[in-house]
Protein backbone atom coordinates (compact mmCIF):
# COMPACT_ATOMS: atom_id res chain seq x y z
CA MET A 1 -10.73 -5.15 -15.04
CA THR A 2 -9.25 -6.90 -18.08
CA VAL A 3 -6.59 -4.23 -18.50
CA TRP A 4 -5.77 -4.01 -14.80
CA THR A 5 -5.32 -7.73 -14.17
CA ASN A 6 -3.36 -8.39 -17.36
CA VAL A 7 -1.15 -5.31 -17.65
CA PHE A 8 -0.43 -4.55 -14.00
CA GLU A 9 -0.77 -7.95 -12.31
CA ARG A 10 0.27 -10.52 -14.89
CA GLY A 11 2.44 -8.10 -16.91
CA ARG A 12 3.85 -6.40 -13.78
CA LEU A 13 4.16 -3.06 -15.60
CA ILE A 14 5.81 -0.45 -13.39
CA PRO A 15 6.56 3.27 -13.81
CA GLY A 16 9.41 3.98 -16.21
CA GLU A 17 8.93 0.80 -18.23
CA SER A 18 7.79 0.65 -21.84
CA PHE A 19 4.50 -0.88 -22.95
CA LEU A 20 3.06 -1.92 -26.32
CA VAL A 21 -0.63 -2.66 -26.83
CA HIS A 22 -1.92 -4.19 -30.06
CA GLY A 23 -5.34 -3.02 -31.18
CA GLY A 24 -4.76 0.33 -29.54
CA SER A 25 -8.02 1.81 -30.86
CA SER A 26 -10.18 -1.00 -29.44
CA GLY A 27 -12.06 -0.73 -26.16
CA ILE A 28 -9.31 -2.64 -24.38
CA GLY A 29 -6.60 -0.74 -26.24
CA THR A 30 -7.91 2.74 -25.47
CA THR A 31 -8.19 1.85 -21.80
CA ALA A 32 -4.74 0.22 -21.70
CA ILE A 33 -3.08 3.26 -23.28
CA GLN A 34 -4.60 5.63 -20.74
CA LEU A 35 -3.94 3.47 -17.67
CA ALA A 36 -0.36 2.63 -18.62
CA ARG A 37 0.40 6.29 -19.28
CA ALA A 38 -1.30 7.36 -16.02
CA PHE A 39 0.91 4.94 -14.11
CA GLY A 40 4.12 6.27 -15.64
CA ALA A 41 4.91 3.95 -18.55
CA ARG A 42 6.13 4.84 -22.03
CA VAL A 43 3.27 3.71 -24.27
CA PHE A 44 3.26 2.41 -27.84
CA ALA A 45 0.23 1.11 -29.74
CA THR A 46 -0.62 -0.53 -33.03
CA ALA A 47 -3.72 0.37 -35.05
CA GLY A 48 -4.92 -0.09 -38.61
CA SER A 49 -5.44 3.44 -39.95
CA VAL A 50 -4.14 6.98 -39.75
CA ASP A 51 -7.25 8.09 -37.85
CA LYS A 52 -6.97 5.25 -35.34
CA CYS A 53 -3.30 6.00 -34.79
CA ALA A 54 -4.15 9.65 -34.17
CA VAL A 55 -6.64 8.67 -31.47
CA CYS A 56 -4.07 6.41 -29.81
CA GLN A 57 -1.63 9.31 -29.63
CA GLN A 58 -4.30 11.69 -28.32
CA LEU A 59 -4.97 9.20 -25.52
CA GLY A 60 -1.30 9.07 -24.51
CA ALA A 61 0.63 6.76 -26.81
CA GLU A 62 4.10 8.16 -27.47
CA ARG A 63 4.02 6.48 -30.88
CA ALA A 64 1.15 4.80 -32.71
CA ILE A 65 2.19 2.28 -35.36
CA ASN A 66 0.01 1.71 -38.41
CA TYR A 67 0.43 -2.05 -38.76
CA ARG A 68 -0.71 -1.92 -42.40
CA ARG A 69 2.28 0.29 -43.32
CA GLU A 70 4.93 -0.23 -40.64
CA ASP A 71 6.65 -3.07 -38.84
CA PHE A 72 5.98 -2.70 -35.12
CA VAL A 73 9.15 -4.60 -34.21
CA SER A 74 11.35 -2.11 -36.07
CA VAL A 75 9.50 0.90 -34.69
CA VAL A 76 9.68 -0.12 -31.02
CA LYS A 77 13.31 -1.22 -31.37
CA GLU A 78 14.23 2.16 -32.83
CA ALA A 79 12.23 4.06 -30.20
CA THR A 80 13.82 2.13 -27.32
CA GLY A 81 17.40 2.29 -28.53
CA GLY A 82 17.34 -1.32 -29.65
CA SER A 83 16.27 -2.82 -26.33
CA GLY A 84 12.56 -3.46 -27.03
CA VAL A 85 9.55 -2.97 -24.78
CA ASP A 86 9.06 -4.38 -21.29
CA VAL A 87 5.43 -5.46 -21.62
CA ILE A 88 3.21 -6.33 -24.60
CA LEU A 89 -0.57 -6.79 -24.36
CA ASP A 90 -1.69 -8.85 -27.36
CA MET A 91 -5.12 -9.93 -28.53
CA ILE A 92 -3.99 -11.14 -31.96
CA GLY A 93 -1.94 -14.33 -31.43
CA GLY A 94 -1.03 -16.33 -34.52
CA SER A 95 1.80 -14.76 -36.51
CA TYR A 96 2.26 -11.99 -33.95
CA ALA A 97 3.81 -14.35 -31.40
CA GLU A 98 7.30 -14.53 -32.92
CA ARG A 99 7.31 -10.82 -33.73
CA ASN A 100 6.22 -10.02 -30.17
CA GLN A 101 9.20 -12.00 -28.91
CA GLN A 102 11.50 -9.95 -31.14
CA ALA A 103 9.96 -6.70 -29.84
CA LEU A 104 10.37 -7.67 -26.17
CA ALA A 105 13.26 -6.45 -24.06
CA VAL A 106 15.39 -8.62 -21.81
CA GLU A 107 13.08 -9.68 -18.94
CA GLY A 108 10.13 -8.65 -21.15
CA ARG A 109 6.63 -9.97 -20.53
CA LEU A 110 4.11 -10.93 -23.22
CA VAL A 111 0.52 -11.07 -21.99
CA GLN A 112 -1.93 -12.82 -24.32
CA ILE A 113 -5.65 -11.96 -23.97
CA GLY A 114 -7.01 -12.92 -27.39
CA ILE A 115 -6.35 -15.10 -30.40
CA MET A 116 -7.84 -13.31 -33.41
CA GLU A 117 -5.24 -14.98 -35.68
CA GLY A 118 -5.46 -18.32 -33.89
CA SER A 119 -4.02 -20.11 -30.86
CA LYS A 120 -1.35 -22.16 -32.63
CA ILE A 121 1.95 -20.28 -32.67
CA THR A 122 5.68 -20.69 -33.24
CA LEU A 123 8.12 -19.45 -30.60
CA ASP A 124 11.87 -19.31 -30.36
CA LEU A 125 12.49 -20.96 -27.00
CA LEU A 126 16.21 -20.19 -27.12
CA GLN A 127 15.44 -16.49 -27.44
CA MET A 128 12.96 -16.78 -24.56
CA MET A 129 15.65 -18.40 -22.40
CA MET A 130 18.52 -16.11 -23.39
CA ARG A 131 16.45 -12.95 -22.96
CA ARG A 132 14.58 -14.26 -19.89
CA GLN A 133 11.19 -13.51 -21.39
CA THR A 134 7.89 -14.39 -19.72
CA ILE A 135 4.87 -15.44 -21.77
CA THR A 136 1.55 -15.51 -19.95
CA GLY A 137 -2.12 -14.80 -20.53
CA SER A 138 -5.57 -15.01 -19.04
CA THR A 139 -9.28 -14.64 -19.54
CA LEU A 140 -11.67 -13.19 -16.98
CA ARG A 141 -14.62 -15.32 -18.02
CA ALA A 142 -13.21 -18.52 -16.51
CA ARG A 143 -12.16 -16.91 -13.21
CA SER A 144 -14.07 -17.56 -10.00
CA VAL A 145 -16.41 -14.98 -8.50
CA ALA A 146 -13.91 -14.51 -5.67
CA ASP A 147 -11.10 -13.80 -8.17
CA LYS A 148 -13.26 -11.31 -10.05
CA ALA A 149 -14.21 -9.60 -6.80
CA ALA A 150 -10.55 -9.25 -5.82
CA ILE A 151 -9.74 -7.70 -9.20
CA ALA A 152 -12.71 -5.34 -8.87
CA ARG A 153 -11.48 -4.19 -5.45
CA LEU A 154 -8.04 -3.38 -6.88
CA VAL A 155 -9.57 -1.52 -9.81
CA ARG A 156 -11.75 0.46 -7.39
CA GLU A 157 -8.71 1.34 -5.30
CA LYS A 158 -6.11 2.00 -8.00
CA ALA A 159 -7.89 2.99 -11.22
CA TRP A 160 -11.32 4.29 -10.30
CA PRO A 161 -10.06 7.57 -8.79
CA LEU A 162 -8.53 8.40 -12.18
CA ILE A 163 -11.85 7.69 -13.90
CA GLU A 164 -13.75 9.80 -11.36
CA ALA A 165 -11.26 12.64 -11.86
CA GLY A 166 -11.80 12.47 -15.63
CA SER A 167 -8.16 11.74 -16.45
CA ILE A 168 -9.18 8.35 -17.89
CA ARG A 169 -12.28 8.10 -20.02
CA THR A 170 -14.19 5.41 -21.83
CA VAL A 171 -14.00 5.90 -25.59
CA ILE A 172 -17.40 5.18 -27.12
CA ASP A 173 -17.72 4.96 -30.90
CA ARG A 174 -21.49 4.55 -31.23
CA THR A 175 -24.55 3.38 -29.37
CA PHE A 176 -27.32 1.26 -30.86
CA PRO A 177 -30.77 0.40 -29.50
CA LEU A 178 -30.97 -3.29 -28.67
CA VAL A 179 -33.27 -3.95 -31.64
CA GLU A 180 -30.40 -2.87 -33.93
CA VAL A 181 -27.96 -5.40 -32.51
CA ALA A 182 -27.25 -6.81 -35.98
CA ALA A 183 -26.10 -3.39 -37.18
CA ALA A 184 -23.86 -3.10 -34.12
CA HIS A 185 -22.28 -6.45 -34.96
CA ARG A 186 -21.74 -5.38 -38.57
CA LEU A 187 -19.89 -2.29 -37.34
CA MET A 188 -17.77 -4.44 -35.01
CA GLU A 189 -16.92 -6.87 -37.83
CA SER A 190 -16.01 -4.00 -40.18
CA SER A 191 -13.30 -2.87 -37.73
CA GLN A 192 -14.16 0.75 -38.52
CA HIS A 193 -14.98 1.66 -34.92
CA ILE A 194 -12.75 3.30 -32.33
CA GLY A 195 -13.38 2.32 -28.71
CA LYS A 196 -16.54 0.66 -27.47
CA ILE A 197 -19.82 -0.06 -29.24
CA LEU A 198 -22.74 0.07 -26.80
CA LEU A 199 -26.23 -1.39 -26.89
CA THR A 200 -28.90 0.66 -25.10
CA ILE A 201 -31.90 -0.98 -23.46
């Protein structure tokens, strides 16, 4: 639901466009890569290790960018012939904001869904105006039950058939019994996981 409403509704990603997701090996990232690819987009992703980048590419990213070693702005510019990507899904915020702007194409859309580096950012408003960029974002938690139900209906109609067919899968790193919730949180905080961490009851 998070990916659908932010990438395809707010970000208005359409077939043939290019898409960059930060945190490509996260639960959101792995889902976004697969859905964007399934709906005909060129997909790029950032991740923090060679192994994580490999998983992103296995899931459908044309190019995975190791943000510890490479500059994602340069990579996407080179891969798109200098134009940049049409849509970026970002959960980082902070210092990524200005770089996201640089990586966006004319008429590009930045969709913010997290603020791991903080909510205070610097933007170049002239660049936004000249390149007609859109900056938006959302959270599901604050939405009404009616809004969530409408999103769920769209996901059921548009995305669920791909899940049922097995062409999109949930990437699960590990499961923990509920009594080991502290260990699950330690794994999450270590950022060593790929995909979801599940608690079993």
